[in-house]
Amino acid sequence: MDYVITVRVAGDEKVIEIPWEDLKVDFIAFILERTDSEDQETFRKVFNIVESRIRNVFLDRYKESLIQ
């Protein structure tokens, strides 16, 4: 799986674009292939939580360090 992460800088604003939908589709396909039906919904919820935390905490706090 290859993903393109885009970094845009305009003025003082730095934006990191991550293909969340592609990641989500691939993750769901992965769990559907490898887990039983009882665990699939749990894994989907976990992905949503992780995605939210990455977006809200990690990227907001560290985007200036990531883009120099």
PDB file of N, CA and C in Angstrom:
ATOM      1  N   MET A   1       0.841  -1.172   0.000  1.00  0.00           N
ATOM      2  CA  MET A   1       0.000   0.000   0.000  1.00  0.00           C
ATOM      3  C   MET A   1       0.886   1.235   0.000  1.00  0.00           C
ATOM      4  N   ASP A   2       0.694   2.078  -0.982  1.00  0.00           N
ATOM      5  CA  ASP A   2       1.432   3.329  -1.065  1.00  0.00           C
ATOM      6  C   ASP A   2       0.454   4.482  -0.930  1.00  0.00           C
ATOM      7  N   TYR A   3       0.856   5.484  -0.181  1.00  0.00           N
ATOM      8  CA  TYR A   3       0.021   6.657   0.027  1.00  0.00           C
ATOM      9  C   TYR A   3       0.837   7.908  -0.236  1.00  0.00           C
ATOM     10  N   VAL A   4       0.170   8.925  -0.734  1.00  0.00           N
ATOM     11  CA  VAL A   4       0.828  10.198  -0.968  1.00  0.00           C
ATOM     12  C   VAL A   4       0.372  11.176   0.105  1.00  0.00           C
ATOM     13  N   ILE A   5       1.326  11.655   0.874  1.00  0.00           N
ATOM     14  CA  ILE A   5       1.046  12.671   1.888  1.00  0.00           C
ATOM     15  C   ILE A   5       1.552  13.984   1.327  1.00  0.00           C
ATOM     16  N   THR A   6       0.675  14.962   1.242  1.00  0.00           N
ATOM     17  CA  THR A   6       0.997  16.249   0.636  1.00  0.00           C
ATOM     18  C   THR A   6       1.206  17.294   1.715  1.00  0.00           C
ATOM     19  N   VAL A   7       2.227  18.086   1.525  1.00  0.00           N
ATOM     20  CA  VAL A   7       2.503  19.191   2.432  1.00  0.00           C
ATOM     21  C   VAL A   7       2.394  20.474   1.616  1.00  0.00           C
ATOM     22  N   ARG A   8       1.530  21.378   2.072  1.00  0.00           N
ATOM     23  CA  ARG A   8       1.373  22.667   1.402  1.00  0.00           C
ATOM     24  C   ARG A   8       1.738  23.774   2.376  1.00  0.00           C
ATOM     25  N   VAL A   9       2.474  24.747   1.862  1.00  0.00           N
ATOM     26  CA  VAL A   9       2.832  25.903   2.679  1.00  0.00           C
ATOM     27  C   VAL A   9       2.408  27.142   1.914  1.00  0.00           C
ATOM     28  N   ALA A  10       1.542  27.932   2.529  1.00  0.00           N
ATOM     29  CA  ALA A  10       1.083  29.187   1.927  1.00  0.00           C
ATOM     30  C   ALA A  10       1.193  30.271   2.995  1.00  0.00           C
ATOM     31  N   GLY A  11       2.101  31.194   2.771  1.00  0.00           N
ATOM     32  CA  GLY A  11       2.300  32.222   3.790  1.00  0.00           C
ATOM     33  C   GLY A  11       2.827  31.579   5.053  1.00  0.00           C
ATOM     34  N   ASP A  12       2.147  31.795   6.145  1.00  0.00           N
ATOM     35  CA  ASP A  12       2.543  31.195   7.414  1.00  0.00           C
ATOM     36  C   ASP A  12       1.774  29.918   7.718  1.00  0.00           C
ATOM     37  N   GLU A  13       0.843  29.540   6.850  1.00  0.00           N
ATOM     38  CA  GLU A  13       0.029  28.362   7.109  1.00  0.00           C
ATOM     39  C   GLU A  13       0.639  27.127   6.469  1.00  0.00           C
ATOM     40  N   LYS A  14       0.763  26.071   7.267  1.00  0.00           N
ATOM     41  CA  LYS A  14       1.304  24.805   6.792  1.00  0.00           C
ATOM     42  C   LYS A  14       0.206  23.751   6.901  1.00  0.00           C
ATOM     43  N   VAL A  15      -0.027  23.039   5.817  1.00  0.00           N
ATOM     44  CA  VAL A  15      -1.100  22.046   5.785  1.00  0.00           C
ATOM     45  C   VAL A  15      -0.524  20.697   5.373  1.00  0.00           C
ATOM     46  N   ILE A  16      -0.880  19.676   6.123  1.00  0.00           N
ATOM     47  CA  ILE A  16      -0.497  18.307   5.781  1.00  0.00           C
ATOM     48  C   ILE A  16      -1.764  17.589   5.344  1.00  0.00           C
ATOM     49  N   GLU A  17      -1.763  17.073   4.128  1.00  0.00           N
ATOM     50  CA  GLU A  17      -2.917  16.341   3.619  1.00  0.00           C
ATOM     51  C   GLU A  17      -2.582  14.856   3.597  1.00  0.00           C
ATOM     52  N   ILE A  18      -3.359  14.084   4.334  1.00  0.00           N
ATOM     53  CA  ILE A  18      -3.169  12.638   4.409  1.00  0.00           C
ATOM     54  C   ILE A  18      -4.413  11.978   3.816  1.00  0.00           C
ATOM     55  N   PRO A  19      -4.241  11.000   2.934  1.00  0.00           N
ATOM     56  CA  PRO A  19      -5.396  10.362   2.277  1.00  0.00           C
ATOM     57  C   PRO A  19      -6.162   9.438   3.227  1.00  0.00           C
ATOM     58  N   TRP A  20      -6.925  10.037   4.148  1.00  0.00           N
ATOM     59  CA  TRP A  20      -7.618   9.265   5.185  1.00  0.00           C
ATOM     60  C   TRP A  20      -8.569   8.241   4.607  1.00  0.00           C
ATOM     61  N   GLU A  21      -9.288   8.596   3.561  1.00  0.00           N
ATOM     62  CA  GLU A  21     -10.262   7.657   2.993  1.00  0.00           C
ATOM     63  C   GLU A  21      -9.571   6.426   2.410  1.00  0.00           C
ATOM     64  N   ASP A  22      -8.433   6.626   1.741  1.00  0.00           N
ATOM     65  CA  ASP A  22      -7.687   5.481   1.201  1.00  0.00           C
ATOM     66  C   ASP A  22      -7.196   4.585   2.334  1.00  0.00           C
ATOM     67  N   LEU A  23      -6.676   5.205   3.386  1.00  0.00           N
ATOM     68  CA  LEU A  23      -6.222   4.433   4.545  1.00  0.00           C
ATOM     69  C   LEU A  23      -7.366   3.651   5.163  1.00  0.00           C
ATOM     70  N   LYS A  24      -8.515   4.308   5.293  1.00  0.00           N
ATOM     71  CA  LYS A  24      -9.679   3.667   5.911  1.00  0.00           C
ATOM     72  C   LYS A  24     -10.164   2.480   5.072  1.00  0.00           C
ATOM     73  N   VAL A  25     -10.261   2.675   3.771  1.00  0.00           N
ATOM     74  CA  VAL A  25     -10.706   1.600   2.868  1.00  0.00           C
ATOM     75  C   VAL A  25      -9.751   0.410   2.949  1.00  0.00           C
ATOM     76  N   ASP A  26      -8.448   0.689   2.913  1.00  0.00           N
ATOM     77  CA  ASP A  26      -7.460  -0.394   2.987  1.00  0.00           C
ATOM     78  C   ASP A  26      -7.516  -1.101   4.338  1.00  0.00           C
ATOM     79  N   PHE A  27      -7.675  -0.330   5.406  1.00  0.00           N
ATOM     80  CA  PHE A  27      -7.736  -0.934   6.740  1.00  0.00           C
ATOM     81  C   PHE A  27      -8.967  -1.822   6.878  1.00  0.00           C
ATOM     82  N   ILE A  28     -10.100  -1.334   6.417  1.00  0.00           N
ATOM     83  CA  ILE A  28     -11.326  -2.120   6.502  1.00  0.00           C
ATOM     84  C   ILE A  28     -11.205  -3.398   5.664  1.00  0.00           C
ATOM     85  N   ALA A  29     -10.640  -3.284   4.470  1.00  0.00           N
ATOM     86  CA  ALA A  29     -10.436  -4.472   3.639  1.00  0.00           C
ATOM     87  C   ALA A  29      -9.520  -5.464   4.359  1.00  0.00           C
ATOM     88  N   PHE A  30      -8.492  -4.945   5.009  1.00  0.00           N
ATOM     89  CA  PHE A  30      -7.551  -5.796   5.746  1.00  0.00           C
ATOM     90  C   PHE A  30      -8.259  -6.534   6.884  1.00  0.00           C
ATOM     91  N   ILE A  31      -9.061  -5.817   7.680  1.00  0.00           N
ATOM     92  CA  ILE A  31      -9.714  -6.490   8.807  1.00  0.00           C
ATOM     93  C   ILE A  31     -10.802  -7.445   8.345  1.00  0.00           C
ATOM     94  N   LEU A  32     -11.458  -7.136   7.225  1.00  0.00           N
ATOM     95  CA  LEU A  32     -12.475  -8.054   6.714  1.00  0.00           C
ATOM     96  C   LEU A  32     -11.852  -9.374   6.282  1.00  0.00           C
ATOM     97  N   GLU A  33     -10.634  -9.320   5.756  1.00  0.00           N
ATOM     98  CA  GLU A  33      -9.952 -10.536   5.315  1.00  0.00           C
ATOM     99  C   GLU A  33      -9.408 -11.353   6.482  1.00  0.00           C
ATOM    100  N   ARG A  34      -9.026 -10.677   7.564  1.00  0.00           N
ATOM    101  CA  ARG A  34      -8.243 -11.364   8.588  1.00  0.00           C
ATOM    102  C   ARG A  34      -8.915 -11.544   9.944  1.00  0.00           C
ATOM    103  N   THR A  35     -10.103 -11.013  10.113  1.00  0.00           N
ATOM    104  CA  THR A  35     -10.759 -11.155  11.416  1.00  0.00           C
ATOM    105  C   THR A  35     -12.130 -11.781  11.244  1.00  0.00           C
ATOM    106  N   ASP A  36     -12.634 -12.325  12.325  1.00  0.00           N
ATOM    107  CA  ASP A  36     -13.986 -12.872  12.262  1.00  0.00           C
ATOM    108  C   ASP A  36     -14.999 -11.738  12.422  1.00  0.00           C
ATOM    109  N   SER A  37     -16.206 -12.013  12.073  1.00  0.00           N
ATOM    110  CA  SER A  37     -17.239 -10.968  12.026  1.00  0.00           C
ATOM    111  C   SER A  37     -17.494 -10.322  13.386  1.00  0.00           C
ATOM    112  N   GLU A  38     -17.243 -11.044  14.456  1.00  0.00           N
ATOM    113  CA  GLU A  38     -17.476 -10.486  15.787  1.00  0.00           C
ATOM    114  C   GLU A  38     -16.513  -9.342  16.102  1.00  0.00           C
ATOM    115  N   ASP A  39     -15.299  -9.388  15.560  1.00  0.00           N
ATOM    116  CA  ASP A  39     -14.284  -8.383  15.866  1.00  0.00           C
ATOM    117  C   ASP A  39     -14.232  -7.238  14.862  1.00  0.00           C
ATOM    118  N   GLN A  40     -14.852  -7.372  13.718  1.00  0.00           N
ATOM    119  CA  GLN A  40     -14.724  -6.380  12.661  1.00  0.00           C
ATOM    120  C   GLN A  40     -15.221  -4.993  13.065  1.00  0.00           C
ATOM    121  N   GLU A  41     -16.357  -4.920  13.706  1.00  0.00           N
ATOM    122  CA  GLU A  41     -16.901  -3.620  14.109  1.00  0.00           C
ATOM    123  C   GLU A  41     -16.001  -2.951  15.137  1.00  0.00           C
ATOM    124  N   THR A  42     -15.425  -3.735  16.025  1.00  0.00           N
ATOM    125  CA  THR A  42     -14.496  -3.191  17.019  1.00  0.00           C
ATOM    126  C   THR A  42     -13.286  -2.566  16.333  1.00  0.00           C
ATOM    127  N   PHE A  43     -12.720  -3.254  15.347  1.00  0.00           N
ATOM    128  CA  PHE A  43     -11.580  -2.717  14.634  1.00  0.00           C
ATOM    129  C   PHE A  43     -11.931  -1.437  13.879  1.00  0.00           C
ATOM    130  N   ARG A  44     -13.115  -1.358  13.322  1.00  0.00           N
ATOM    131  CA  ARG A  44     -13.548  -0.128  12.637  1.00  0.00           C
ATOM    132  C   ARG A  44     -13.627   1.035  13.617  1.00  0.00           C
ATOM    133  N   LYS A  45     -14.174   0.776  14.784  1.00  0.00           N
ATOM    134  CA  LYS A  45     -14.262   1.827  15.803  1.00  0.00           C
ATOM    135  C   LYS A  45     -12.878   2.262  16.265  1.00  0.00           C
ATOM    136  N   VAL A  46     -12.001   1.308  16.432  1.00  0.00           N
ATOM    137  CA  VAL A  46     -10.628   1.629  16.834  1.00  0.00           C
ATOM    138  C   VAL A  46      -9.970   2.510  15.781  1.00  0.00           C
ATOM    139  N   PHE A  47     -10.145   2.190  14.510  1.00  0.00           N
ATOM    140  CA  PHE A  47      -9.563   3.011  13.453  1.00  0.00           C
ATOM    141  C   PHE A  47     -10.084   4.439  13.524  1.00  0.00           C
ATOM    142  N   ASN A  48     -11.381   4.601  13.727  1.00  0.00           N
ATOM    143  CA  ASN A  48     -11.958   5.943  13.826  1.00  0.00           C
ATOM    144  C   ASN A  48     -11.368   6.727  14.990  1.00  0.00           C
ATOM    145  N   ILE A  49     -11.159   6.065  16.113  1.00  0.00           N
ATOM    146  CA  ILE A  49     -10.572   6.740  17.273  1.00  0.00           C
ATOM    147  C   ILE A  49      -9.127   7.143  16.979  1.00  0.00           C
ATOM    148  N   VAL A  50      -8.364   6.224  16.409  1.00  0.00           N
ATOM    149  CA  VAL A  50      -6.967   6.520  16.097  1.00  0.00           C
ATOM    150  C   VAL A  50      -6.870   7.654  15.084  1.00  0.00           C
ATOM    151  N   GLU A  51      -7.693   7.609  14.059  1.00  0.00           N
ATOM    152  CA  GLU A  51      -7.692   8.662  13.051  1.00  0.00           C
ATOM    153  C   GLU A  51      -7.995  10.013  13.693  1.00  0.00           C
ATOM    154  N   SER A  52      -8.980  10.056  14.538  1.00  0.00           N
ATOM    155  CA  SER A  52      -9.352  11.294  15.216  1.00  0.00           C
ATOM    156  C   SER A  52      -8.206  11.828  16.067  1.00  0.00           C
ATOM    157  N   ARG A  53      -7.576  10.946  16.824  1.00  0.00           N
ATOM    158  CA  ARG A  53      -6.466  11.372  17.685  1.00  0.00           C
ATOM    159  C   ARG A  53      -5.292  11.878  16.863  1.00  0.00           C
ATOM    160  N   ILE A  54      -4.988  11.200  15.761  1.00  0.00           N
ATOM    161  CA  ILE A  54      -3.881  11.651  14.910  1.00  0.00           C
ATOM    162  C   ILE A  54      -4.192  13.024  14.338  1.00  0.00           C
ATOM    163  N   ARG A  55      -5.395  13.197  13.838  1.00  0.00           N
ATOM    164  CA  ARG A  55      -5.765  14.491  13.255  1.00  0.00           C
ATOM    165  C   ARG A  55      -5.735  15.610  14.288  1.00  0.00           C
ATOM    166  N   ASN A  56      -6.360  15.393  15.415  1.00  0.00           N
ATOM    167  CA  ASN A  56      -6.565  16.461  16.386  1.00  0.00           C
ATOM    168  C   ASN A  56      -5.367  16.733  17.281  1.00  0.00           C
ATOM    169  N   VAL A  57      -4.653  15.719  17.642  1.00  0.00           N
ATOM    170  CA  VAL A  57      -3.575  15.907  18.604  1.00  0.00           C
ATOM    171  C   VAL A  57      -2.223  15.962  17.914  1.00  0.00           C
ATOM    172  N   PHE A  58      -1.864  14.876  17.265  1.00  0.00           N
ATOM    173  CA  PHE A  58      -0.525  14.772  16.713  1.00  0.00           C
ATOM    174  C   PHE A  58      -0.244  15.837  15.661  1.00  0.00           C
ATOM    175  N   LEU A  59      -1.085  15.910  14.639  1.00  0.00           N
ATOM    176  CA  LEU A  59      -0.814  16.839  13.548  1.00  0.00           C
ATOM    177  C   LEU A  59      -0.877  18.288  14.002  1.00  0.00           C
ATOM    178  N   ASP A  60      -1.847  18.633  14.819  1.00  0.00           N
ATOM    179  CA  ASP A  60      -1.944  20.011  15.284  1.00  0.00           C
ATOM    180  C   ASP A  60      -0.744  20.414  16.128  1.00  0.00           C
ATOM    181  N   ARG A  61      -0.286  19.509  16.968  1.00  0.00           N
ATOM    182  CA  ARG A  61       0.837  19.834  17.855  1.00  0.00           C
ATOM    183  C   ARG A  61       2.179  19.818  17.158  1.00  0.00           C
ATOM    184  N   TYR A  62       2.346  18.911  16.205  1.00  0.00           N
ATOM    185  CA  TYR A  62       3.666  18.689  15.648  1.00  0.00           C
ATOM    186  C   TYR A  62       3.844  19.080  14.186  1.00  0.00           C
ATOM    187  N   LYS A  63       2.848  19.701  13.572  1.00  0.00           N
ATOM    188  CA  LYS A  63       2.980  20.008  12.151  1.00  0.00           C
ATOM    189  C   LYS A  63       4.124  20.966  11.866  1.00  0.00           C
ATOM    190  N   GLU A  64       4.402  21.912  12.774  1.00  0.00           N
ATOM    191  CA  GLU A  64       5.513  22.813  12.548  1.00  0.00           C
ATOM    192  C   GLU A  64       6.845  22.075  12.605  1.00  0.00           C
ATOM    193  N   SER A  65       6.948  21.062  13.445  1.00  0.00           N
ATOM    194  CA  SER A  65       8.166  20.276  13.514  1.00  0.00           C
ATOM    195  C   SER A  65       8.323  19.393  12.273  1.00  0.00           C
ATOM    196  N   LEU A  66       7.199  18.927  11.755  1.00  0.00           N
ATOM    197  CA  LEU A  66       7.241  18.056  10.585  1.00  0.00           C
ATOM    198  C   LEU A  66       7.575  18.818   9.309  1.00  0.00           C
ATOM    199  N   ILE A  67       7.140  20.058   9.239  1.00  0.00           N
ATOM    200  CA  ILE A  67       7.351  20.868   8.037  1.00  0.00           C
ATOM    201  C   ILE A  67       8.360  21.955   8.386  1.00  0.00           C
ATOM    202  N   GLN A  68       9.519  21.844   7.869  1.00  0.00           N
ATOM    203  CA  GLN A  68      10.534  22.880   8.147  1.00  0.00           C
ATOM    204  C   GLN A  68      11.154  23.350   6.861  1.00  0.00           C
TER     205      GLN A  68
END
